[in-house]
Amino acid sequence: MARTKKVGITGRFGARYGRKAKRVVKSIEENMKKKHVCPRCDRPAVKRMAAGIWKCNKCGVVFTGGAYVPETPMVKTASRNIKRVVGGD
């Protein structure tokens, strides 16, 4: 199954589903499949095991997160607000 530069990972859909839907899926899946930074060892080695389950290939820590990214924007906002209120690091 050939992929082109333009459609990338969504080449498997062929001529179906339309351009806009495929662009959204492409951005989500490319972000999901890249290596993310581990919250424990700070290395870019975190991969998705299943929906919401992430594992670091370096230190072996398994943790939960978002379905497509390990740390969702709401988690970032909530942790920033908690640190501000509590006065943590």
PDB file of N, CA and C in Angstrom:
ATOM      1  N   MET A   1       0.839  -1.170   0.000  1.00  0.00           N
ATOM      2  CA  MET A   1       0.000   0.000   0.000  1.00  0.00           C
ATOM      3  C   MET A   1       0.891   1.241   0.000  1.00  0.00           C
ATOM      4  N   ALA A   2       0.879   1.995  -1.080  1.00  0.00           N
ATOM      5  CA  ALA A   2       1.747   3.160  -1.224  1.00  0.00           C
ATOM      6  C   ALA A   2       1.145   4.383  -0.545  1.00  0.00           C
ATOM      7  N   ARG A   3       2.028   5.166   0.063  1.00  0.00           N
ATOM      8  CA  ARG A   3       1.609   6.437   0.666  1.00  0.00           C
ATOM      9  C   ARG A   3       2.306   7.555  -0.077  1.00  0.00           C
ATOM     10  N   THR A   4       1.634   8.666  -0.208  1.00  0.00           N
ATOM     11  CA  THR A   4       2.245   9.802  -0.876  1.00  0.00           C
ATOM     12  C   THR A   4       2.669  10.834   0.152  1.00  0.00           C
ATOM     13  N   LYS A   5       3.422  11.816  -0.301  1.00  0.00           N
ATOM     14  CA  LYS A   5       3.867  12.875   0.602  1.00  0.00           C
ATOM     15  C   LYS A   5       2.684  13.659   1.155  1.00  0.00           C
ATOM     16  N   LYS A   6       1.697  13.863   0.323  1.00  0.00           N
ATOM     17  CA  LYS A   6       0.589  14.731   0.712  1.00  0.00           C
ATOM     18  C   LYS A   6      -0.328  14.099   1.763  1.00  0.00           C
ATOM     19  N   VAL A   7      -0.703  12.855   1.590  1.00  0.00           N
ATOM     20  CA  VAL A   7      -1.663  12.243   2.508  1.00  0.00           C
ATOM     21  C   VAL A   7      -0.999  11.495   3.657  1.00  0.00           C
ATOM     22  N   GLY A   8       0.244  11.050   3.477  1.00  0.00           N
ATOM     23  CA  GLY A   8       0.994  10.413   4.549  1.00  0.00           C
ATOM     24  C   GLY A   8       0.315   9.183   5.117  1.00  0.00           C
ATOM     25  N   ILE A   9       0.097   9.181   6.418  1.00  0.00           N
ATOM     26  CA  ILE A   9      -0.430   8.029   7.141  1.00  0.00           C
ATOM     27  C   ILE A   9      -1.884   7.719   6.770  1.00  0.00           C
ATOM     28  N   THR A  10      -2.583   8.690   6.192  1.00  0.00           N
ATOM     29  CA  THR A  10      -3.978   8.467   5.829  1.00  0.00           C
ATOM     30  C   THR A  10      -4.124   7.928   4.403  1.00  0.00           C
ATOM     31  N   GLY A  11      -3.041   7.541   3.789  1.00  0.00           N
ATOM     32  CA  GLY A  11      -3.100   6.961   2.457  1.00  0.00           C
ATOM     33  C   GLY A  11      -3.900   5.673   2.420  1.00  0.00           C
ATOM     34  N   ARG A  12      -4.036   5.036   3.563  1.00  0.00           N
ATOM     35  CA  ARG A  12      -4.792   3.781   3.616  1.00  0.00           C
ATOM     36  C   ARG A  12      -6.280   3.987   3.367  1.00  0.00           C
ATOM     37  N   PHE A  13      -6.769   5.227   3.479  1.00  0.00           N
ATOM     38  CA  PHE A  13      -8.191   5.489   3.258  1.00  0.00           C
ATOM     39  C   PHE A  13      -8.534   5.660   1.782  1.00  0.00           C
ATOM     40  N   GLY A  14      -7.537   5.846   0.940  1.00  0.00           N
ATOM     41  CA  GLY A  14      -7.779   6.004  -0.489  1.00  0.00           C
ATOM     42  C   GLY A  14      -8.572   7.269  -0.797  1.00  0.00           C
ATOM     43  N   ALA A  15      -9.571   7.135  -1.672  1.00  0.00           N
ATOM     44  CA  ALA A  15     -10.362   8.290  -2.091  1.00  0.00           C
ATOM     45  C   ALA A  15     -11.587   8.503  -1.218  1.00  0.00           C
ATOM     46  N   ARG A  16     -11.656   7.833  -0.091  1.00  0.00           N
ATOM     47  CA  ARG A  16     -12.839   7.922   0.766  1.00  0.00           C
ATOM     48  C   ARG A  16     -12.682   8.987   1.853  1.00  0.00           C
ATOM     49  N   TYR A  17     -13.772   9.436   2.405  1.00  0.00           N
ATOM     50  CA  TYR A  17     -13.907  10.255   3.617  1.00  0.00           C
ATOM     51  C   TYR A  17     -13.605  11.740   3.478  1.00  0.00           C
ATOM     52  N   GLY A  18     -13.022  12.196   2.411  1.00  0.00           N
ATOM     53  CA  GLY A  18     -12.825  13.615   2.205  1.00  0.00           C
ATOM     54  C   GLY A  18     -11.513  14.138   2.766  1.00  0.00           C
ATOM     55  N   ARG A  19     -11.124  15.302   2.269  1.00  0.00           N
ATOM     56  CA  ARG A  19      -9.829  15.874   2.602  1.00  0.00           C
ATOM     57  C   ARG A  19      -9.755  16.368   4.038  1.00  0.00           C
ATOM     58  N   LYS A  20     -10.795  17.050   4.503  1.00  0.00           N
ATOM     59  CA  LYS A  20     -10.759  17.638   5.845  1.00  0.00           C
ATOM     60  C   LYS A  20     -10.705  16.562   6.932  1.00  0.00           C
ATOM     61  N   ALA A  21     -11.511  15.534   6.791  1.00  0.00           N
ATOM     62  CA  ALA A  21     -11.513  14.456   7.778  1.00  0.00           C
ATOM     63  C   ALA A  21     -10.166  13.753   7.808  1.00  0.00           C
ATOM     64  N   LYS A  22      -9.556  13.549   6.642  1.00  0.00           N
ATOM     65  CA  LYS A  22      -8.264  12.888   6.593  1.00  0.00           C
ATOM     66  C   LYS A  22      -7.162  13.768   7.179  1.00  0.00           C
ATOM     67  N   ARG A  23      -7.270  15.077   7.023  1.00  0.00           N
ATOM     68  CA  ARG A  23      -6.278  15.977   7.632  1.00  0.00           C
ATOM     69  C   ARG A  23      -6.334  15.919   9.151  1.00  0.00           C
ATOM     70  N   VAL A  24      -7.539  15.865   9.702  1.00  0.00           N
ATOM     71  CA  VAL A  24      -7.699  15.779  11.152  1.00  0.00           C
ATOM     72  C   VAL A  24      -7.123  14.469  11.668  1.00  0.00           C
ATOM     73  N   VAL A  25      -7.451  13.373  10.996  1.00  0.00           N
ATOM     74  CA  VAL A  25      -6.942  12.065  11.395  1.00  0.00           C
ATOM     75  C   VAL A  25      -5.423  12.023  11.269  1.00  0.00           C
ATOM     76  N   LYS A  26      -4.881  12.628  10.222  1.00  0.00           N
ATOM     77  CA  LYS A  26      -3.437  12.640  10.018  1.00  0.00           C
ATOM     78  C   LYS A  26      -2.728  13.355  11.161  1.00  0.00           C
ATOM     79  N   SER A  27      -3.225  14.520  11.557  1.00  0.00           N
ATOM     80  CA  SER A  27      -2.567  15.267  12.630  1.00  0.00           C
ATOM     81  C   SER A  27      -2.651  14.521  13.962  1.00  0.00           C
ATOM     82  N   ILE A  28      -3.794  13.911  14.253  1.00  0.00           N
ATOM     83  CA  ILE A  28      -3.956  13.163  15.500  1.00  0.00           C
ATOM     84  C   ILE A  28      -3.040  11.943  15.519  1.00  0.00           C
ATOM     85  N   GLU A  29      -3.032  11.171  14.438  1.00  0.00           N
ATOM     86  CA  GLU A  29      -2.255   9.937  14.428  1.00  0.00           C
ATOM     87  C   GLU A  29      -0.757  10.185  14.391  1.00  0.00           C
ATOM     88  N   GLU A  30      -0.309  11.214  13.678  1.00  0.00           N
ATOM     89  CA  GLU A  30       1.120  11.511  13.670  1.00  0.00           C
ATOM     90  C   GLU A  30       1.590  11.948  15.050  1.00  0.00           C
ATOM     91  N   ASN A  31       0.777  12.729  15.752  1.00  0.00           N
ATOM     92  CA  ASN A  31       1.124  13.147  17.109  1.00  0.00           C
ATOM     93  C   ASN A  31       1.089  11.959  18.064  1.00  0.00           C
ATOM     94  N   MET A  32       0.153  11.048  17.867  1.00  0.00           N
ATOM     95  CA  MET A  32       0.018   9.887  18.735  1.00  0.00           C
ATOM     96  C   MET A  32       1.199   8.932  18.573  1.00  0.00           C
ATOM     97  N   LYS A  33       1.679   8.739  17.349  1.00  0.00           N
ATOM     98  CA  LYS A  33       2.699   7.741  17.074  1.00  0.00           C
ATOM     99  C   LYS A  33       4.122   8.222  17.321  1.00  0.00           C
ATOM    100  N   LYS A  34       4.335   9.514  17.522  1.00  0.00           N
ATOM    101  CA  LYS A  34       5.692   9.981  17.775  1.00  0.00           C
ATOM    102  C   LYS A  34       6.110   9.631  19.204  1.00  0.00           C
ATOM    103  N   LYS A  35       7.392   9.711  19.481  1.00  0.00           N
ATOM    104  CA  LYS A  35       7.893   9.429  20.822  1.00  0.00           C
ATOM    105  C   LYS A  35       7.705  10.657  21.694  1.00  0.00           C
ATOM    106  N   HIS A  36       7.146  10.447  22.877  1.00  0.00           N
ATOM    107  CA  HIS A  36       6.886  11.528  23.818  1.00  0.00           C
ATOM    108  C   HIS A  36       7.895  11.463  24.959  1.00  0.00           C
ATOM    109  N   VAL A  37       8.008  12.556  25.712  1.00  0.00           N
ATOM    110  CA  VAL A  37       8.961  12.640  26.813  1.00  0.00           C
ATOM    111  C   VAL A  37       8.382  11.962  28.048  1.00  0.00           C
ATOM    112  N   CYS A  38       9.208  11.141  28.691  1.00  0.00           N
ATOM    113  CA  CYS A  38       8.793  10.409  29.885  1.00  0.00           C
ATOM    114  C   CYS A  38       8.727  11.360  31.080  1.00  0.00           C
ATOM    115  N   PRO A  39       7.661  11.283  31.893  1.00  0.00           N
ATOM    116  CA  PRO A  39       7.568  12.156  33.069  1.00  0.00           C
ATOM    117  C   PRO A  39       8.522  11.750  34.185  1.00  0.00           C
ATOM    118  N   ARG A  40       9.063  10.541  34.108  1.00  0.00           N
ATOM    119  CA  ARG A  40       9.946  10.048  35.169  1.00  0.00           C
ATOM    120  C   ARG A  40      11.425  10.243  34.838  1.00  0.00           C
ATOM    121  N   CYS A  41      11.845   9.832  33.633  1.00  0.00           N
ATOM    122  CA  CYS A  41      13.267   9.910  33.284  1.00  0.00           C
ATOM    123  C   CYS A  41      13.586  11.032  32.297  1.00  0.00           C
ATOM    124  N   ASP A  42      12.589  11.762  31.824  1.00  0.00           N
ATOM    125  CA  ASP A  42      12.748  12.897  30.902  1.00  0.00           C
ATOM    126  C   ASP A  42      13.457  12.532  29.595  1.00  0.00           C
ATOM    127  N   ARG A  43      13.228  11.330  29.105  1.00  0.00           N
ATOM    128  CA  ARG A  43      13.771  10.916  27.816  1.00  0.00           C
ATOM    129  C   ARG A  43      12.625  10.746  26.829  1.00  0.00           C
ATOM    130  N   PRO A  44      12.869  11.010  25.561  1.00  0.00           N
ATOM    131  CA  PRO A  44      11.810  10.820  24.560  1.00  0.00           C
ATOM    132  C   PRO A  44      11.662   9.352  24.181  1.00  0.00           C
ATOM    133  N   ALA A  45      11.014   8.572  25.045  1.00  0.00           N
ATOM    134  CA  ALA A  45      10.911   7.134  24.803  1.00  0.00           C
ATOM    135  C   ALA A  45       9.526   6.588  25.117  1.00  0.00           C
ATOM    136  N   VAL A  46       8.539   7.448  25.287  1.00  0.00           N
ATOM    137  CA  VAL A  46       7.197   6.998  25.661  1.00  0.00           C
ATOM    138  C   VAL A  46       6.400   6.655  24.411  1.00  0.00           C
ATOM    139  N   LYS A  47       5.839   5.466  24.380  1.00  0.00           N
ATOM    140  CA  LYS A  47       5.001   5.016  23.279  1.00  0.00           C
ATOM    141  C   LYS A  47       3.644   4.588  23.816  1.00  0.00           C
ATOM    142  N   ARG A  48       2.637   4.621  22.965  1.00  0.00           N
ATOM    143  CA  ARG A  48       1.274   4.253  23.335  1.00  0.00           C
ATOM    144  C   ARG A  48       1.112   2.737  23.275  1.00  0.00           C
ATOM    145  N   MET A  49       0.617   2.154  24.359  1.00  0.00           N
ATOM    146  CA  MET A  49       0.351   0.710  24.383  1.00  0.00           C
ATOM    147  C   MET A  49      -1.092   0.426  23.986  1.00  0.00           C
ATOM    148  N   ALA A  50      -2.014   1.184  24.539  1.00  0.00           N
ATOM    149  CA  ALA A  50      -3.439   1.073  24.232  1.00  0.00           C
ATOM    150  C   ALA A  50      -4.036   2.449  24.481  1.00  0.00           C
ATOM    151  N   ALA A  51      -5.331   2.588  24.285  1.00  0.00           N
ATOM    152  CA  ALA A  51      -5.975   3.886  24.473  1.00  0.00           C
ATOM    153  C   ALA A  51      -5.829   4.342  25.922  1.00  0.00           C
ATOM    154  N   GLY A  52      -5.042   5.386  26.141  1.00  0.00           N
ATOM    155  CA  GLY A  52      -4.864   5.939  27.469  1.00  0.00           C
ATOM    156  C   GLY A  52      -3.780   5.281  28.300  1.00  0.00           C
ATOM    157  N   ILE A  53      -3.081   4.281  27.771  1.00  0.00           N
ATOM    158  CA  ILE A  53      -2.008   3.599  28.502  1.00  0.00           C
ATOM    159  C   ILE A  53      -0.701   3.832  27.755  1.00  0.00           C
ATOM    160  N   TRP A  54       0.285   4.384  28.457  1.00  0.00           N
ATOM    161  CA  TRP A  54       1.553   4.770  27.874  1.00  0.00           C
ATOM    162  C   TRP A  54       2.690   4.092  28.615  1.00  0.00           C
ATOM    163  N   LYS A  55       3.758   3.744  27.897  1.00  0.00           N
ATOM    164  CA  LYS A  55       4.900   3.061  28.511  1.00  0.00           C
ATOM    165  C   LYS A  55       6.200   3.666  28.001  1.00  0.00           C
ATOM    166  N   CYS A  56       7.128   3.885  28.946  1.00  0.00           N
ATOM    167  CA  CYS A  56       8.465   4.365  28.608  1.00  0.00           C
ATOM    168  C   CYS A  56       9.339   3.160  28.301  1.00  0.00           C
ATOM    169  N   ASN A  57       9.969   3.174  27.147  1.00  0.00           N
ATOM    170  CA  ASN A  57      10.821   2.056  26.757  1.00  0.00           C
ATOM    171  C   ASN A  57      12.177   2.093  27.450  1.00  0.00           C
ATOM    172  N   LYS A  58      12.561   3.206  28.056  1.00  0.00           N
ATOM    173  CA  LYS A  58      13.860   3.317  28.730  1.00  0.00           C
ATOM    174  C   LYS A  58      13.767   2.862  30.188  1.00  0.00           C
ATOM    175  N   CYS A  59      12.865   3.494  30.966  1.00  0.00           N
ATOM    176  CA  CYS A  59      12.789   3.168  32.391  1.00  0.00           C
ATOM    177  C   CYS A  59      11.691   2.163  32.712  1.00  0.00           C
ATOM    178  N   GLY A  60      10.808   1.879  31.756  1.00  0.00           N
ATOM    179  CA  GLY A  60       9.796   0.856  31.943  1.00  0.00           C
ATOM    180  C   GLY A  60       8.554   1.286  32.697  1.00  0.00           C
ATOM    181  N   VAL A  61       8.422   2.558  33.027  1.00  0.00           N
ATOM    182  CA  VAL A  61       7.252   3.026  33.764  1.00  0.00           C
ATOM    183  C   VAL A  61       6.019   2.994  32.855  1.00  0.00           C
ATOM    184  N   VAL A  62       4.916   2.516  33.388  1.00  0.00           N
ATOM    185  CA  VAL A  62       3.645   2.480  32.672  1.00  0.00           C
ATOM    186  C   VAL A  62       2.703   3.432  33.403  1.00  0.00           C
ATOM    187  N   PHE A  63       2.054   4.321  32.657  1.00  0.00           N
ATOM    188  CA  PHE A  63       1.162   5.295  33.265  1.00  0.00           C
ATOM    189  C   PHE A  63      -0.016   5.579  32.354  1.00  0.00           C
ATOM    190  N   THR A  64      -1.018   6.220  32.925  1.00  0.00           N
ATOM    191  CA  THR A  64      -2.205   6.570  32.142  1.00  0.00           C
ATOM    192  C   THR A  64      -2.115   8.021  31.703  1.00  0.00           C
ATOM    193  N   GLY A  65      -2.803   8.307  30.621  1.00  0.00           N
ATOM    194  CA  GLY A  65      -2.833   9.652  30.083  1.00  0.00           C
ATOM    195  C   GLY A  65      -4.030   9.792  29.175  1.00  0.00           C
ATOM    196  N   GLY A  66      -3.908  10.666  28.229  1.00  0.00           N
ATOM    197  CA  GLY A  66      -4.977  10.842  27.265  1.00  0.00           C
ATOM    198  C   GLY A  66      -5.010   9.685  26.272  1.00  0.00           C
ATOM    199  N   ALA A  67      -6.054   9.624  25.491  1.00  0.00           N
ATOM    200  CA  ALA A  67      -6.183   8.547  24.519  1.00  0.00           C
ATOM    201  C   ALA A  67      -5.172   8.687  23.385  1.00  0.00           C
ATOM    202  N   TYR A  68      -4.835   9.911  23.001  1.00  0.00           N
ATOM    203  CA  TYR A  68      -3.952  10.127  21.868  1.00  0.00           C
ATOM    204  C   TYR A  68      -2.631  10.784  22.237  1.00  0.00           C
ATOM    205  N   VAL A  69      -2.563  11.447  23.381  1.00  0.00           N
ATOM    206  CA  VAL A  69      -1.318  12.041  23.870  1.00  0.00           C
ATOM    207  C   VAL A  69      -1.195  11.725  25.355  1.00  0.00           C
ATOM    208  N   PRO A  70       0.032  11.555  25.852  1.00  0.00           N
ATOM    209  CA  PRO A  70       0.171  11.182  27.261  1.00  0.00           C
ATOM    210  C   PRO A  70      -0.292  12.266  28.231  1.00  0.00           C
ATOM    211  N   GLU A  71      -0.151  13.521  27.850  1.00  0.00           N
ATOM    212  CA  GLU A  71      -0.582  14.612  28.724  1.00  0.00           C
ATOM    213  C   GLU A  71      -1.486  15.539  27.919  1.00  0.00           C
ATOM    214  N   THR A  72      -2.760  15.569  28.273  1.00  0.00           N
ATOM    215  CA  THR A  72      -3.729  16.368  27.536  1.00  0.00           C
ATOM    216  C   THR A  72      -3.611  17.838  27.920  1.00  0.00           C
ATOM    217  N   PRO A  73      -4.129  18.739  27.106  1.00  0.00           N
ATOM    218  CA  PRO A  73      -4.078  20.168  27.452  1.00  0.00           C
ATOM    219  C   PRO A  73      -4.803  20.494  28.760  1.00  0.00           C
ATOM    220  N   MET A  74      -5.880  19.760  29.067  1.00  0.00           N
ATOM    221  CA  MET A  74      -6.589  20.011  30.327  1.00  0.00           C
ATOM    222  C   MET A  74      -5.738  19.631  31.532  1.00  0.00           C
ATOM    223  N   VAL A  75      -4.949  18.570  31.421  1.00  0.00           N
ATOM    224  CA  VAL A  75      -4.066  18.168  32.515  1.00  0.00           C
ATOM    225  C   VAL A  75      -3.010  19.228  32.747  1.00  0.00           C
ATOM    226  N   LYS A  76      -2.460  19.782  31.676  1.00  0.00           N
ATOM    227  CA  LYS A  76      -1.452  20.837  31.804  1.00  0.00           C
ATOM    228  C   LYS A  76      -2.039  22.049  32.514  1.00  0.00           C
ATOM    229  N   THR A  77      -3.253  22.439  32.132  1.00  0.00           N
ATOM    230  CA  THR A  77      -3.910  23.589  32.753  1.00  0.00           C
ATOM    231  C   THR A  77      -4.218  23.323  34.219  1.00  0.00           C
ATOM    232  N   ALA A  78      -4.746  22.146  34.508  1.00  0.00           N
ATOM    233  CA  ALA A  78      -5.104  21.813  35.886  1.00  0.00           C
ATOM    234  C   ALA A  78      -3.866  21.762  36.775  1.00  0.00           C
ATOM    235  N   SER A  79      -2.789  21.139  36.308  1.00  0.00           N
ATOM    236  CA  SER A  79      -1.582  21.053  37.139  1.00  0.00           C
ATOM    237  C   SER A  79      -0.963  22.429  37.352  1.00  0.00           C
ATOM    238  N   ARG A  80      -1.026  23.291  36.342  1.00  0.00           N
ATOM    239  CA  ARG A  80      -0.514  24.663  36.495  1.00  0.00           C
ATOM    240  C   ARG A  80      -1.330  25.415  37.535  1.00  0.00           C
ATOM    241  N   ASN A  81      -2.664  25.267  37.515  1.00  0.00           N
ATOM    242  CA  ASN A  81      -3.514  25.954  38.490  1.00  0.00           C
ATOM    243  C   ASN A  81      -3.309  25.405  39.908  1.00  0.00           C
ATOM    244  N   ILE A  82      -3.125  24.103  40.019  1.00  0.00           N
ATOM    245  CA  ILE A  82      -2.888  23.502  41.338  1.00  0.00           C
ATOM    246  C   ILE A  82      -1.574  23.993  41.914  1.00  0.00           C
ATOM    247  N   LYS A  83      -0.529  24.050  41.080  1.00  0.00           N
ATOM    248  CA  LYS A  83       0.764  24.556  41.553  1.00  0.00           C
ATOM    249  C   LYS A  83       0.652  26.014  41.988  1.00  0.00           C
ATOM    250  N   ARG A  84      -0.141  26.787  41.250  1.00  0.00           N
ATOM    251  CA  ARG A  84      -0.299  28.199  41.591  1.00  0.00           C
ATOM    252  C   ARG A  84      -1.000  28.368  42.927  1.00  0.00           C
ATOM    253  N   VAL A  85      -2.038  27.579  43.168  1.00  0.00           N
ATOM    254  CA  VAL A  85      -2.809  27.683  44.405  1.00  0.00           C
ATOM    255  C   VAL A  85      -2.017  27.146  45.596  1.00  0.00           C
ATOM    256  N   VAL A  86      -1.393  25.981  45.414  1.00  0.00           N
ATOM    257  CA  VAL A  86      -0.671  25.346  46.503  1.00  0.00           C
ATOM    258  C   VAL A  86       0.685  26.026  46.742  1.00  0.00           C
ATOM    259  N   GLY A  87       1.269  26.579  45.698  1.00  0.00           N
ATOM    260  CA  GLY A  87       2.566  27.218  45.828  1.00  0.00           C
ATOM    261  C   GLY A  87       3.707  26.236  45.707  1.00  0.00           C
ATOM    262  N   GLY A  88       3.493  25.200  44.908  1.00  0.00           N
ATOM    263  CA  GLY A  88       4.518  24.172  44.709  1.00  0.00           C
ATOM    264  C   GLY A  88       5.593  24.641  43.752  1.00  0.00           C
ATOM    265  N   ASP A  89       6.379  23.685  43.289  1.00  0.00           N
ATOM    266  CA  ASP A  89       7.524  23.962  42.415  1.00  0.00           C
ATOM    267  C   ASP A  89       7.103  24.672  41.159  1.00  0.00           C
TER     268      ASP A  89
END
